[in-house]
């Protein structure tokens, strides 16, 4: 599926959509509650928005920022703009104020398009930006802004010729897609037309998408998984993308059944939420043939596949800016992928030993990195191709050149070589299967031992009464490393002593959380990643947050963490 891409340097996704619009004109391409776009209608919208871009004086290399909720018009809008050579920055719809202003500022757009449903964000961000930035609205409800949908409505829908608007090449940047900002302000990752074509066709081949397929996509369209992988792979195969603005565990199976979906693009947390629902008749009435996604924990995988009778799960590992991907085609629970022998020379991936305290790879006596042994955890890295004309293995970086430089590890196994740093700790078994361990910074040392926050959270999630959990390390006075802390969302049946007994039977002492915090809900990113940096910053000070408990090793119980105990901990007078 991907082999022909490089042979046609001007064949981008908007061009392909135009061709599909002629070939599959009457077939449904995008579907959302109350709205359906056929392939013909989608191609027509793309043509109108390309012509609108030119009418506004936008040229190749210009940037437009897009803040718009999921719906059938989202993708045609950015596809049309990219057909005109414009780069589109896909803004996170949850952001407001200074963080949103930061995301807009770092890509220096000529104009910003805001969905009318999100017009409340404009007053709080517009004064923070350069006054030269033009503002447009999509849809009714933003009375003080001109409407892009109305301005484009009267433009021709015929395919755009290369003579009318020059074709962008695969090498050119098409999108800015932002990192989730789980550990600081988001970064804008460069995404070329080639990358979009590669993602779309690779996943189309992996899922074997066909015209009869219907993909259930409830992930954000501003992110690479929900906005390109799920959509592009389905459209390339001639199928239909069933869009939902948000995930609902209670309505999921009814929705999937009524929409006759055959594919589901998941994030691991969604599958865990579904396992937590009460059984119902519709959960076995579906027509799903494959679920594709990442982050499916091993303990969730088998329960999810067995209970809901899912024929195939395609787990993979990838990141928006990363230079390699891993795929678990064999369906081995818990594994994120394996590189088959015939591809190893084309996809050099290694796991190197890692210093958890310094948060950098370990170097040997001559200054080179050391590859991990089987089942030894370290940071996963992907080799960067020396010839920048080669797309495979290339790191396209961020809008911020300094952020790009931080992701490149040099002089790794030989002087002069360069590798992309994933920031993810993994291990690889004797059969070559990769397993995700944790994010760099999430794994911490306590009492001389390495503690994986992800693995501890996986154990905690199985405890009765625990609805959600986040595990992280916190600094403690006069102690080496960081003490484990767990923030829990619990149900009425939760029992703190039963919780400790559960953990004692399943975790070594050093891995058990020293602190427990009961919270009403978890703060999540739009792609269902925990914002743990907020929890870490709040710490375990009872004058700042409530619901705190400390494990008392003497009484073998979690006891309330009051001001007196906190003072003793801070003074280094309480043994933890």
Protein backbone atom coordinates (compact mmCIF):
# COMPACT_ATOMS: atom_id res chain seq x y z
CA UNK A 1 0.00 0.00 0.00
CA UNK A 2 2.80 2.45 0.81
CA UNK A 3 5.34 1.42 -1.84
CA UNK A 4 3.88 3.57 -4.68
CA UNK A 5 3.70 6.78 -2.62
CA UNK A 6 7.22 8.07 -3.33
CA UNK A 7 6.86 7.40 -7.04
CA UNK A 8 4.16 10.10 -7.30
CA UNK A 9 5.59 13.20 -5.54
CA UNK A 10 2.52 15.36 -6.27
CA UNK A 11 -0.07 12.74 -5.30
CA UNK A 12 -1.24 13.95 -1.89
CA UNK A 13 -4.33 13.03 0.13
CA UNK A 14 -6.46 15.96 -1.14
CA UNK A 15 -5.64 14.86 -4.70
CA UNK A 16 -6.61 11.28 -3.84
CA UNK A 17 -9.88 12.45 -2.25
CA UNK A 18 -10.65 14.33 -5.45
CA UNK A 19 -10.18 11.10 -7.43
CA UNK A 20 -12.27 9.10 -4.97
CA UNK A 21 -14.96 11.77 -5.25
CA UNK A 22 -15.29 10.97 -8.94
CA UNK A 23 -15.01 7.20 -8.58
CA UNK A 24 -17.17 6.71 -5.44
CA UNK A 25 -19.34 9.82 -5.78
CA UNK A 26 -22.54 8.49 -4.20
CA UNK A 27 -21.00 6.40 -1.40
CA UNK A 28 -20.98 7.81 2.14
CA UNK A 29 -17.55 9.02 3.26
CA UNK A 30 -18.18 10.85 6.56
CA UNK A 31 -21.15 10.39 8.87
CA UNK A 32 -22.10 12.21 12.07
CA UNK A 33 -25.39 12.68 13.93
CA UNK A 34 -27.69 14.51 11.53
CA UNK A 35 -25.15 14.84 8.71
CA UNK A 36 -23.61 12.66 6.00
CA UNK A 37 -21.13 13.61 3.29
CA UNK A 38 -20.69 11.38 0.27
CA UNK A 39 -17.32 11.05 -1.42
CA UNK A 40 -18.56 13.38 -4.15
CA UNK A 41 -19.72 16.01 -1.66
CA UNK A 42 -16.49 15.75 0.32
CA UNK A 43 -14.40 16.29 -2.81
CA UNK A 44 -16.58 19.27 -3.78
CA UNK A 45 -16.05 20.89 -0.37
CA UNK A 46 -12.29 20.37 -0.65
CA UNK A 47 -12.28 22.16 -4.02
CA UNK A 48 -14.28 25.11 -2.68
CA UNK A 49 -11.98 25.59 0.34
CA UNK A 50 -8.86 25.39 -1.85
CA UNK A 51 -10.28 28.16 -4.03
CA UNK A 52 -11.33 30.17 -0.95
CA UNK A 53 -7.74 29.97 0.36
CA UNK A 54 -6.42 31.44 -2.88
CA UNK A 55 -9.11 34.15 -2.82
CA UNK A 56 -7.79 35.22 0.59
CA UNK A 57 -4.27 35.59 -0.73
CA UNK A 58 -3.01 32.50 1.07
CA UNK A 59 0.04 30.93 -0.55
CA UNK A 60 2.22 27.87 -0.15
CA UNK A 61 4.03 28.05 3.18
CA UNK A 62 1.32 30.11 4.91
CA UNK A 63 -0.34 28.68 8.01
CA UNK A 64 -4.00 28.66 9.06
CA UNK A 65 -4.99 27.62 12.60
CA UNK A 66 -8.19 25.58 12.94
CA UNK A 67 -10.21 25.41 16.18
CA UNK A 68 -13.30 23.39 15.35
CA UNK A 69 -15.26 20.49 16.92
CA UNK A 70 -15.47 17.08 15.25
CA UNK A 71 -17.96 16.83 12.43
CA UNK A 72 -18.29 16.02 8.74
CA UNK A 73 -16.93 19.42 7.62
CA UNK A 74 -13.72 19.35 9.65
CA UNK A 75 -11.64 17.13 7.38
CA UNK A 76 -12.78 18.63 4.03
CA UNK A 77 -11.83 22.07 5.35
CA UNK A 78 -8.22 21.23 6.19
CA UNK A 79 -7.86 19.03 3.11
CA UNK A 80 -8.98 21.89 0.88
CA UNK A 81 -6.58 24.32 2.51
CA UNK A 82 -3.67 21.89 2.17
CA UNK A 83 -4.55 21.37 -1.51
CA UNK A 84 -3.76 25.08 -1.90
CA UNK A 85 -0.37 24.51 -0.28
CA UNK A 86 -1.40 25.98 3.07
CA UNK A 87 -0.29 24.34 6.32
CA UNK A 88 -3.13 23.86 8.83
CA UNK A 89 -2.53 23.82 12.59
CA UNK A 90 -5.10 21.53 14.22
CA UNK A 91 -5.82 23.14 17.59
CA UNK A 92 -6.95 21.22 20.65
CA UNK A 93 -10.59 22.20 21.23
CA UNK A 94 -10.24 21.92 25.01
CA UNK A 95 -7.67 24.70 25.30
CA UNK A 96 -8.42 28.26 26.35
CA UNK A 97 -6.58 31.42 27.34
CA UNK A 98 -2.78 31.56 27.45
CA UNK A 99 -2.22 27.87 26.55
CA UNK A 100 -4.36 28.26 23.44
CA UNK A 101 -2.58 31.52 22.62
CA UNK A 102 0.76 29.71 22.94
CA UNK A 103 -0.35 27.03 20.48
CA UNK A 104 -1.43 29.66 17.96
CA UNK A 105 1.59 31.86 18.49
CA UNK A 106 4.24 29.17 17.88
CA UNK A 107 2.94 28.44 14.35
CA UNK A 108 2.52 32.12 13.33
CA UNK A 109 -0.73 31.75 11.32
CA UNK A 110 -2.06 34.22 8.78
CA UNK A 111 -5.57 33.56 10.03
CA UNK A 112 -7.56 31.49 12.54
CA UNK A 113 -10.81 29.64 11.79
CA UNK A 114 -13.07 28.99 14.78
CA UNK A 115 -16.12 26.74 14.86
CA UNK A 116 -19.12 28.73 16.08
CA UNK A 117 -19.61 26.22 18.93
CA UNK A 118 -16.20 27.29 20.28
CA UNK A 119 -16.57 31.04 19.78
CA UNK A 120 -16.44 31.52 23.57
CA UNK A 121 -12.68 30.91 23.31
CA UNK A 122 -12.10 33.96 21.10
CA UNK A 123 -12.45 36.84 23.63
CA UNK A 124 -9.96 35.23 26.00
CA UNK A 125 -7.28 34.55 23.40
CA UNK A 126 -7.56 37.21 20.71
CA UNK A 127 -6.05 40.04 22.83
CA UNK A 128 -3.03 37.82 23.51
CA UNK A 129 -2.13 37.55 19.81
CA UNK A 130 -0.77 39.81 17.10
CA UNK A 131 -3.48 42.08 15.72
CA UNK A 132 -2.46 41.17 12.15
CA UNK A 133 -3.98 37.69 12.55
CA UNK A 134 -7.34 37.51 10.75
CA UNK A 135 -10.26 35.66 12.37
CA UNK A 136 -12.98 33.68 10.60
CA UNK A 137 -15.85 31.57 11.85
CA UNK A 138 -17.34 28.32 10.60
CA UNK A 139 -21.08 28.04 11.14
CA UNK A 140 -23.70 30.37 12.56
CA UNK A 141 -23.47 31.95 15.99
CA UNK A 142 -20.34 34.12 15.65
CA UNK A 143 -21.97 37.34 14.52
CA UNK A 144 -18.85 39.53 14.65
CA UNK A 145 -16.68 37.25 12.46
CA UNK A 146 -16.94 36.57 8.71
CA UNK A 147 -18.00 32.99 7.91
CA UNK A 148 -15.69 30.80 5.88
CA UNK A 149 -18.46 28.32 5.06
CA UNK A 150 -20.63 31.06 3.51
CA UNK A 151 -17.70 32.65 1.68
CA UNK A 152 -16.77 29.31 0.10
CA UNK A 153 -20.34 28.19 -0.65
CA UNK A 154 -20.57 30.07 -3.94
CA UNK A 155 -17.23 28.90 -5.31
CA UNK A 156 -16.96 26.19 -8.02
CA UNK A 157 -16.98 22.56 -6.91
CA UNK A 158 -15.21 21.13 -9.95
CA UNK A 159 -11.82 19.48 -9.39
CA UNK A 160 -8.99 21.98 -9.02
CA UNK A 161 -6.48 21.73 -11.85
CA UNK A 162 -2.73 22.10 -11.40
CA UNK A 163 -2.88 25.10 -13.74
CA UNK A 164 -5.40 26.83 -11.47
CA UNK A 165 -3.63 26.06 -8.17
CA UNK A 166 -0.15 24.51 -8.11
CA UNK A 167 0.00 21.07 -6.55
CA UNK A 168 1.88 20.79 -3.23
CA UNK A 169 4.50 18.05 -3.06
CA UNK A 170 4.80 15.19 -0.60
CA UNK A 171 7.82 16.93 0.91
CA UNK A 172 5.86 20.00 1.95
CA UNK A 173 4.39 20.48 5.40
CA UNK A 174 0.63 19.93 5.44
CA UNK A 175 -0.26 20.06 9.14
CA UNK A 176 0.87 21.04 12.57
CA UNK A 177 -0.40 18.46 15.07
CA UNK A 178 0.22 19.19 18.73
CA UNK A 179 1.58 16.95 21.43
CA UNK A 180 -0.89 16.51 24.29
CA UNK A 181 1.02 18.71 26.72
CA UNK A 182 0.93 16.13 29.54
CA UNK A 183 4.29 17.44 30.83
CA UNK A 184 4.21 21.12 29.89
CA UNK A 185 3.05 23.33 27.06
CA UNK A 186 2.12 21.51 23.83
CA UNK A 187 4.62 21.36 20.96
CA UNK A 188 3.56 21.65 17.31
CA UNK A 189 4.83 18.65 15.36
CA UNK A 190 5.54 19.03 11.63
CA UNK A 191 3.46 16.64 9.50
CA UNK A 192 4.26 16.45 5.78
CA UNK A 193 1.94 15.37 2.99
CA UNK A 194 4.07 12.24 2.72
CA UNK A 195 3.47 11.38 6.37
CA UNK A 196 -0.30 11.72 5.93
CA UNK A 197 -0.23 9.45 2.88
CA UNK A 198 2.00 6.94 4.63
CA UNK A 199 -0.21 6.76 7.74
CA UNK A 200 -3.39 6.46 5.68
CA UNK A 201 -2.13 3.73 3.36
CA UNK A 202 -0.14 1.78 5.93
CA UNK A 203 -3.12 1.44 8.25
CA UNK A 204 -5.45 0.78 5.33
CA UNK A 205 -3.24 -2.19 4.49
CA UNK A 206 -2.92 -3.34 8.10
CA UNK A 207 -6.71 -3.23 8.60
CA UNK A 208 -7.52 -4.30 5.03
CA UNK A 209 -10.15 -1.56 4.75
CA UNK A 210 -12.83 -2.11 2.12
CA UNK A 211 -15.83 -0.14 0.75
CA UNK A 212 -18.18 -2.00 3.11
CA UNK A 213 -16.25 -1.03 6.23
CA UNK A 214 -17.59 1.53 8.71
CA UNK A 215 -15.08 2.94 11.19
CA UNK A 216 -16.31 4.12 14.60
CA UNK A 217 -14.18 7.16 15.42
CA UNK A 218 -14.86 8.94 18.72
CA UNK A 219 -11.33 10.31 19.08
CA UNK A 220 -10.47 13.99 18.52
CA UNK A 221 -10.03 14.99 14.88
CA UNK A 222 -7.28 17.41 15.90
CA UNK A 223 -5.01 14.48 16.77
CA UNK A 224 -3.13 12.10 14.49
CA UNK A 225 -4.97 8.93 15.58
CA UNK A 226 -8.55 10.16 15.37
CA UNK A 227 -7.97 12.70 12.63
CA UNK A 228 -5.71 10.87 10.18
CA UNK A 229 -5.19 7.19 11.03
CA UNK A 230 -8.87 6.34 11.61
CA UNK A 231 -10.17 8.64 8.89
CA UNK A 232 -7.48 8.34 6.21
CA UNK A 233 -7.15 4.56 6.41
CA UNK A 234 -10.91 4.12 6.06
CA UNK A 235 -11.31 6.60 3.20
CA UNK A 236 -8.38 5.15 1.25
CA UNK A 237 -10.24 1.83 1.29
CA UNK A 238 -13.54 3.40 0.21
CA UNK A 239 -15.27 2.93 3.58
CA UNK A 240 -17.28 5.24 5.82
CA UNK A 241 -16.03 7.07 8.91
CA UNK A 242 -18.68 7.29 11.63
CA UNK A 243 -17.75 10.35 13.69
CA UNK A 244 -18.66 11.07 17.28
CA UNK A 245 -17.42 14.15 19.11
CA UNK A 246 -16.80 12.26 22.33
CA UNK A 247 -16.73 8.76 23.78
CA UNK A 248 -19.65 7.47 25.86
CA UNK A 249 -19.26 4.09 27.55
CA UNK A 250 -23.01 3.93 28.19
CA UNK A 251 -23.99 4.56 24.56
CA UNK A 252 -21.06 2.88 22.82
CA UNK A 253 -22.51 -0.53 21.92
CA UNK A 254 -25.91 0.83 20.93
CA UNK A 255 -24.14 3.31 18.67
CA UNK A 256 -21.84 0.70 17.12
CA UNK A 257 -24.75 -1.66 16.46
CA UNK A 258 -27.08 0.98 15.00
CA UNK A 259 -24.32 2.37 12.77
CA UNK A 260 -23.34 -1.15 11.57
CA UNK A 261 -19.68 -0.45 12.35
CA UNK A 262 -17.07 -3.03 11.42
CA UNK A 263 -14.00 -1.18 12.77
CA UNK A 264 -13.24 0.67 15.98
CA UNK A 265 -10.25 2.94 16.61
CA UNK A 266 -9.47 2.76 20.32
CA UNK A 267 -7.27 4.25 22.97
CA UNK A 268 -6.58 1.68 25.69
CA UNK A 269 -8.45 3.63 28.35
CA UNK A 270 -11.69 3.42 26.34
CA UNK A 271 -11.56 -0.37 26.42
CA UNK A 272 -11.02 -0.33 30.18
CA UNK A 273 -14.06 1.94 30.57
CA UNK A 274 -16.16 -0.50 28.51
CA UNK A 275 -15.13 -3.44 30.69
CA UNK A 276 -16.40 -1.48 33.69
CA UNK A 277 -19.95 -1.19 32.29
CA UNK A 278 -22.81 -3.50 33.19
CA UNK A 279 -23.45 -6.30 30.67
CA UNK A 280 -26.12 -5.63 28.05
CA UNK A 281 -27.56 -7.47 25.03
CA UNK A 282 -26.15 -5.04 22.43
CA UNK A 283 -22.53 -5.68 23.38
CA UNK A 284 -22.72 -9.00 21.51
CA UNK A 285 -24.95 -7.81 18.65
CA UNK A 286 -22.21 -5.82 16.94
CA UNK A 287 -20.47 -6.49 13.61
CA UNK A 288 -16.97 -5.38 14.58
CA UNK A 289 -14.32 -7.43 12.82
CA UNK A 290 -11.29 -5.53 14.10
CA UNK A 291 -10.34 -3.03 16.80
CA UNK A 292 -7.20 -0.99 16.12
CA UNK A 293 -5.38 1.23 18.59
CA UNK A 294 -2.74 1.65 21.24
CA UNK A 295 -2.38 1.56 25.00
CA UNK A 296 -4.29 -1.69 25.63
CA UNK A 297 -2.93 -3.11 28.86
CA UNK A 298 -2.38 -6.84 29.01
CA UNK A 299 -4.88 -7.34 31.84
CA UNK A 300 -7.53 -5.44 29.86
CA UNK A 301 -6.86 -7.10 26.48
CA UNK A 302 -8.12 -10.61 27.22
CA UNK A 303 -11.14 -9.42 29.21
CA UNK A 304 -12.12 -7.00 26.45
CA UNK A 305 -11.67 -9.49 23.59
CA UNK A 306 -13.41 -12.36 25.40
CA UNK A 307 -16.36 -10.49 26.86
CA UNK A 308 -17.23 -8.59 23.69
CA UNK A 309 -16.18 -11.34 21.25
CA UNK A 310 -13.81 -9.18 19.21
CA UNK A 311 -12.36 -11.25 16.31
CA UNK A 312 -9.11 -9.29 16.03
CA UNK A 313 -7.21 -6.64 17.98
CA UNK A 314 -4.46 -4.73 16.18
CA UNK A 315 -2.35 -3.04 18.83
CA UNK A 316 0.42 -0.73 17.69
CA UNK A 317 2.90 1.81 18.99
CA UNK A 318 3.42 5.15 17.28
CA UNK A 319 3.60 8.88 17.95
CA UNK A 320 2.74 11.90 15.85
CA UNK A 321 6.35 13.02 15.51
CA UNK A 322 8.09 9.63 15.88
CA UNK A 323 10.24 8.10 13.14
CA UNK A 324 9.14 4.49 13.63
CA UNK A 325 6.10 2.42 14.52
CA UNK A 326 5.56 -1.06 15.97
CA UNK A 327 2.66 -3.40 15.21
CA UNK A 328 1.38 -6.43 17.09
CA UNK A 329 0.04 -8.35 14.10
CA UNK A 330 0.15 -11.67 15.98
CA UNK A 331 -2.34 -10.46 18.58
CA UNK A 332 -0.14 -11.26 21.58
CA UNK A 333 -1.84 -9.71 24.63
CA UNK A 334 0.16 -6.96 26.25
CA UNK A 335 2.74 -6.56 23.49
CA UNK A 336 2.90 -3.35 21.44
CA UNK A 337 4.55 -4.93 18.43
CA UNK A 338 7.41 -6.77 16.85
CA UNK A 339 9.65 -5.99 13.90
CA UNK A 340 9.76 -9.01 11.58
CA UNK A 341 13.27 -10.07 10.47
CA UNK A 342 12.72 -8.98 6.86
CA UNK A 343 12.08 -5.37 7.98
CA UNK A 344 14.79 -4.96 10.62
CA UNK A 345 17.31 -3.49 8.19
CA UNK A 346 14.76 -0.87 7.12
CA UNK A 347 13.53 -0.02 10.63
CA UNK A 348 16.50 0.07 13.04
CA UNK A 349 15.00 0.28 16.53
CA UNK A 350 16.94 -0.26 19.75
CA UNK A 351 16.39 -0.09 23.49
CA UNK A 352 19.25 1.51 25.41
CA UNK A 353 20.06 1.50 29.10
CA UNK A 354 18.65 4.51 30.89
CA UNK A 355 19.61 6.54 33.97
CA UNK A 356 16.32 7.21 35.76
CA UNK A 357 17.75 9.89 38.03
CA UNK A 358 19.43 11.91 35.28
CA UNK A 359 16.67 11.01 32.79
CA UNK A 360 19.18 10.38 29.99
CA UNK A 361 20.54 7.20 28.38
CA UNK A 362 23.53 5.64 30.13
CA UNK A 363 26.96 5.94 28.47
CA UNK A 364 29.86 3.47 28.76
CA UNK A 365 33.54 4.25 29.35
CA UNK A 366 34.06 5.42 25.76
CA UNK A 367 30.94 7.58 25.76
CA UNK A 368 28.60 5.35 23.75
CA UNK A 369 25.16 4.04 24.67
CA UNK A 370 24.61 0.46 25.75
CA UNK A 371 21.91 -1.76 24.24
CA UNK A 372 19.63 -3.52 26.75
CA UNK A 373 19.58 -7.25 27.23
CA UNK A 374 16.32 -9.15 26.59
CA UNK A 375 13.62 -8.12 29.09
CA UNK A 376 15.75 -5.24 30.40
CA UNK A 377 13.91 -1.92 30.38
CA UNK A 378 15.41 1.12 28.71
CA UNK A 379 14.53 3.99 26.36
CA UNK A 380 13.39 3.04 22.85
CA UNK A 381 15.17 4.89 20.05
CA UNK A 382 14.86 4.85 16.24
CA UNK A 383 17.78 5.46 13.90
CA UNK A 384 17.63 8.59 11.77
CA UNK A 385 18.45 8.13 8.11
CA UNK A 386 21.56 9.98 7.00
CA UNK A 387 20.03 10.69 3.57
CA UNK A 388 17.24 13.17 4.26
CA UNK A 389 15.63 12.33 0.91
CA UNK A 390 14.59 9.01 2.38
CA UNK A 391 11.24 9.28 4.13
CA UNK A 392 11.47 6.07 6.12
CA UNK A 393 13.08 6.73 9.48
CA UNK A 394 13.03 10.50 9.10
CA UNK A 395 12.17 12.78 12.03
CA UNK A 396 10.29 15.86 10.82
CA UNK A 397 10.57 17.70 14.12
CA UNK A 398 8.56 20.56 15.59
CA UNK A 399 7.86 24.20 14.82
CA UNK A 400 10.35 24.97 17.60
CA UNK A 401 13.87 24.05 16.46
CA UNK A 402 15.16 23.84 20.05
CA UNK A 403 12.47 21.26 20.88
CA UNK A 404 13.48 19.31 17.77
CA UNK A 405 17.13 19.21 18.83
CA UNK A 406 16.23 17.79 22.26
CA UNK A 407 14.65 14.72 20.65
CA UNK A 408 17.82 13.71 18.79
CA UNK A 409 20.40 11.51 20.51
CA UNK A 410 23.84 11.66 18.89
CA UNK A 411 26.94 9.44 18.98
CA UNK A 412 24.86 6.51 20.18
CA UNK A 413 26.59 3.36 18.93
CA UNK A 414 29.17 5.05 16.69
CA UNK A 415 30.62 8.52 16.34
CA UNK A 416 28.36 10.64 14.17
CA UNK A 417 25.21 8.52 14.23
CA UNK A 418 21.86 10.02 15.29
CA UNK A 419 18.74 8.43 16.78
CA UNK A 420 15.26 9.71 17.63
CA UNK A 421 14.42 9.63 21.36
CA UNK A 422 10.90 8.35 21.99
CA UNK A 423 10.86 9.32 25.66
CA UNK A 424 9.29 5.90 26.27
CA UNK A 425 10.74 3.08 28.35
CA UNK A 426 10.25 -0.36 26.82
CA UNK A 427 11.56 -3.89 27.06
CA UNK A 428 11.93 -6.54 24.37
CA UNK A 429 11.58 -10.26 25.05
CA UNK A 430 13.51 -13.15 23.54
CA UNK A 431 11.00 -13.48 20.69
CA UNK A 432 11.43 -9.82 19.73
CA UNK A 433 8.09 -8.56 21.09
CA UNK A 434 8.22 -5.04 22.50
CA UNK A 435 6.37 -4.09 25.70
CA UNK A 436 5.63 -0.57 26.89
CA UNK A 437 6.93 0.03 30.42
CA UNK A 438 6.42 3.73 31.10
CA UNK A 439 7.07 7.27 29.99
CA UNK A 440 10.45 8.70 30.86
CA UNK A 441 9.84 10.55 34.12
CA UNK A 442 6.95 8.30 35.11
CA UNK A 443 9.24 5.47 36.16
CA UNK A 444 10.99 6.45 39.39
CA UNK A 445 13.37 4.97 41.97
CA UNK A 446 12.31 4.29 45.54
CA UNK A 447 14.35 2.41 48.13
CA UNK A 448 16.90 1.54 45.47
CA UNK A 449 14.32 -0.08 43.18
CA UNK A 450 12.78 1.04 39.89
CA UNK A 451 9.01 1.52 40.10
CA UNK A 452 6.93 1.61 36.92
CA UNK A 453 3.97 3.90 37.44
CA UNK A 454 2.12 2.21 34.58
CA UNK A 455 2.56 -1.29 36.01
CA UNK A 456 1.46 -0.23 39.50
CA UNK A 457 -1.55 1.59 38.02
CA UNK A 458 -2.46 -1.60 36.16
CA UNK A 459 -2.57 -3.56 39.42
CA UNK A 460 -4.52 -0.85 41.21
CA UNK A 461 -7.09 -0.66 38.40
CA UNK A 462 -8.08 -4.28 39.08
CA UNK A 463 -8.87 -3.59 42.74
CA UNK A 464 -12.62 -3.67 43.61
CA UNK A 465 -14.04 -0.21 44.09
CA UNK A 466 -11.34 1.61 42.10
CA UNK A 467 -12.81 3.35 39.06
CA UNK A 468 -9.66 5.15 37.92
CA UNK A 469 -6.08 5.54 39.11
CA UNK A 470 -2.98 7.63 38.46
CA UNK A 471 0.39 6.69 39.93
CA UNK A 472 3.39 9.01 40.17
CA UNK A 473 6.45 9.72 42.32
CA UNK A 474 6.75 12.64 44.74
CA UNK A 475 9.80 14.12 46.44
CA UNK A 476 10.18 13.40 50.16
CA UNK A 477 12.59 15.19 52.50
CA UNK A 478 15.83 13.32 53.30
CA UNK A 479 14.88 10.37 51.10
CA UNK A 480 16.59 9.02 47.99
CA UNK A 481 14.38 8.84 44.94
CA UNK A 482 10.65 9.54 44.94
CA UNK A 483 7.90 7.96 47.00
CA UNK A 484 4.97 6.43 45.17
CA UNK A 485 1.63 8.20 45.29
CA UNK A 486 -1.71 7.07 43.85
CA UNK A 487 -4.66 9.32 43.07
CA UNK A 488 -7.85 7.28 43.02
CA UNK A 489 -11.40 7.77 41.79
CA UNK A 490 -13.44 5.30 43.81
CA UNK A 491 -16.95 3.92 44.04
CA UNK A 492 -19.13 3.43 47.14
CA UNK A 493 -17.86 -0.14 47.62
CA UNK A 494 -14.23 0.96 47.98
CA UNK A 495 -12.57 -0.04 51.24
CA UNK A 496 -9.17 1.40 52.12
CA UNK A 497 -8.02 -1.58 54.20
CA UNK A 498 -9.15 -4.04 51.52
CA UNK A 499 -7.27 -1.89 49.02
CA UNK A 500 -4.03 -2.21 51.00
CA UNK A 501 -4.51 -5.95 51.43
CA UNK A 502 -5.08 -6.25 47.69
CA UNK A 503 -1.84 -4.42 46.90
CA UNK A 504 0.17 -6.26 49.55
CA UNK A 505 -0.70 -9.57 47.88
CA UNK A 506 0.32 -8.32 44.44
CA UNK A 507 3.09 -5.73 44.77
CA UNK A 508 6.45 -5.69 46.53
CA UNK A 509 6.69 -3.25 49.43
CA UNK A 510 8.78 -0.69 47.52
CA UNK A 511 6.17 -0.50 44.74
CA UNK A 512 3.16 0.04 47.00
CA UNK A 513 2.05 3.69 47.07
CA UNK A 514 3.25 5.47 50.19
CA UNK A 515 0.56 8.11 49.72
CA UNK A 516 -3.03 7.76 48.53
CA UNK A 517 -5.26 10.62 47.46
CA UNK A 518 -8.98 10.23 46.83
CA UNK A 519 -10.19 12.53 44.04
CA UNK A 520 -13.61 13.03 42.46
CA UNK A 521 -12.35 12.82 38.86
CA UNK A 522 -9.17 12.68 36.79
CA UNK A 523 -8.09 15.56 34.57
CA UNK A 524 -7.50 14.14 31.10
CA UNK A 525 -6.18 15.38 27.78
CA UNK A 526 -8.36 15.14 24.68
CA UNK A 527 -6.65 11.85 23.82
CA UNK A 528 -7.39 10.32 27.24
CA UNK A 529 -3.95 10.83 28.75
CA UNK A 530 -3.78 11.74 32.42
CA UNK A 531 -2.49 15.20 33.27
CA UNK A 532 -0.28 13.80 36.01
CA UNK A 533 1.96 16.87 36.18
CA UNK A 534 -0.90 18.70 37.93
CA UNK A 535 -1.24 15.95 40.54
CA UNK A 536 2.53 15.84 41.05
CA UNK A 537 2.68 19.61 41.54
CA UNK A 538 -0.10 19.47 44.17
CA UNK A 539 1.78 16.76 46.06
CA UNK A 540 0.72 15.48 49.49
CA UNK A 541 0.34 18.68 51.52
CA UNK A 542 -3.00 18.53 53.45
CA UNK A 543 -3.12 22.33 53.51
CA UNK A 544 -3.31 22.28 49.71
CA UNK A 545 -5.43 19.22 48.89
CA UNK A 546 -7.74 16.89 50.77
CA UNK A 547 -8.50 13.18 50.75
CA UNK A 548 -4.92 12.22 51.68
CA UNK A 549 -3.75 9.01 53.33
CA UNK A 550 -0.35 7.64 54.36
CA UNK A 551 0.64 3.99 54.60
CA UNK A 552 1.53 3.27 58.22
CA UNK A 553 3.92 0.32 58.15
CA UNK A 554 3.43 -0.29 61.89
CA UNK A 555 -0.35 -0.64 61.87
CA UNK A 556 -0.32 -2.01 58.30
CA UNK A 557 -3.02 0.38 57.23
CA UNK A 558 -3.53 3.63 55.35
CA UNK A 559 -4.17 6.40 57.88
CA UNK A 560 -5.32 10.00 57.30
CA UNK A 561 -2.42 12.31 56.43
CA UNK A 562 -2.96 15.30 58.71
CA UNK A 563 -0.86 18.40 59.31
CA UNK A 564 1.13 16.80 62.16
CA UNK A 565 2.16 13.77 60.11
CA UNK A 566 2.98 15.98 57.15
CA UNK A 567 5.21 18.14 59.35
CA UNK A 568 7.10 15.07 60.60
CA UNK A 569 7.61 13.83 57.02
CA UNK A 570 8.92 17.21 55.91
CA UNK A 571 11.32 17.27 58.86
CA UNK A 572 12.60 13.81 57.95
CA UNK A 573 11.40 12.45 61.30
CA UNK A 574 8.97 9.83 59.99
CA UNK A 575 10.22 6.65 58.37
CA UNK A 576 8.37 5.80 55.19
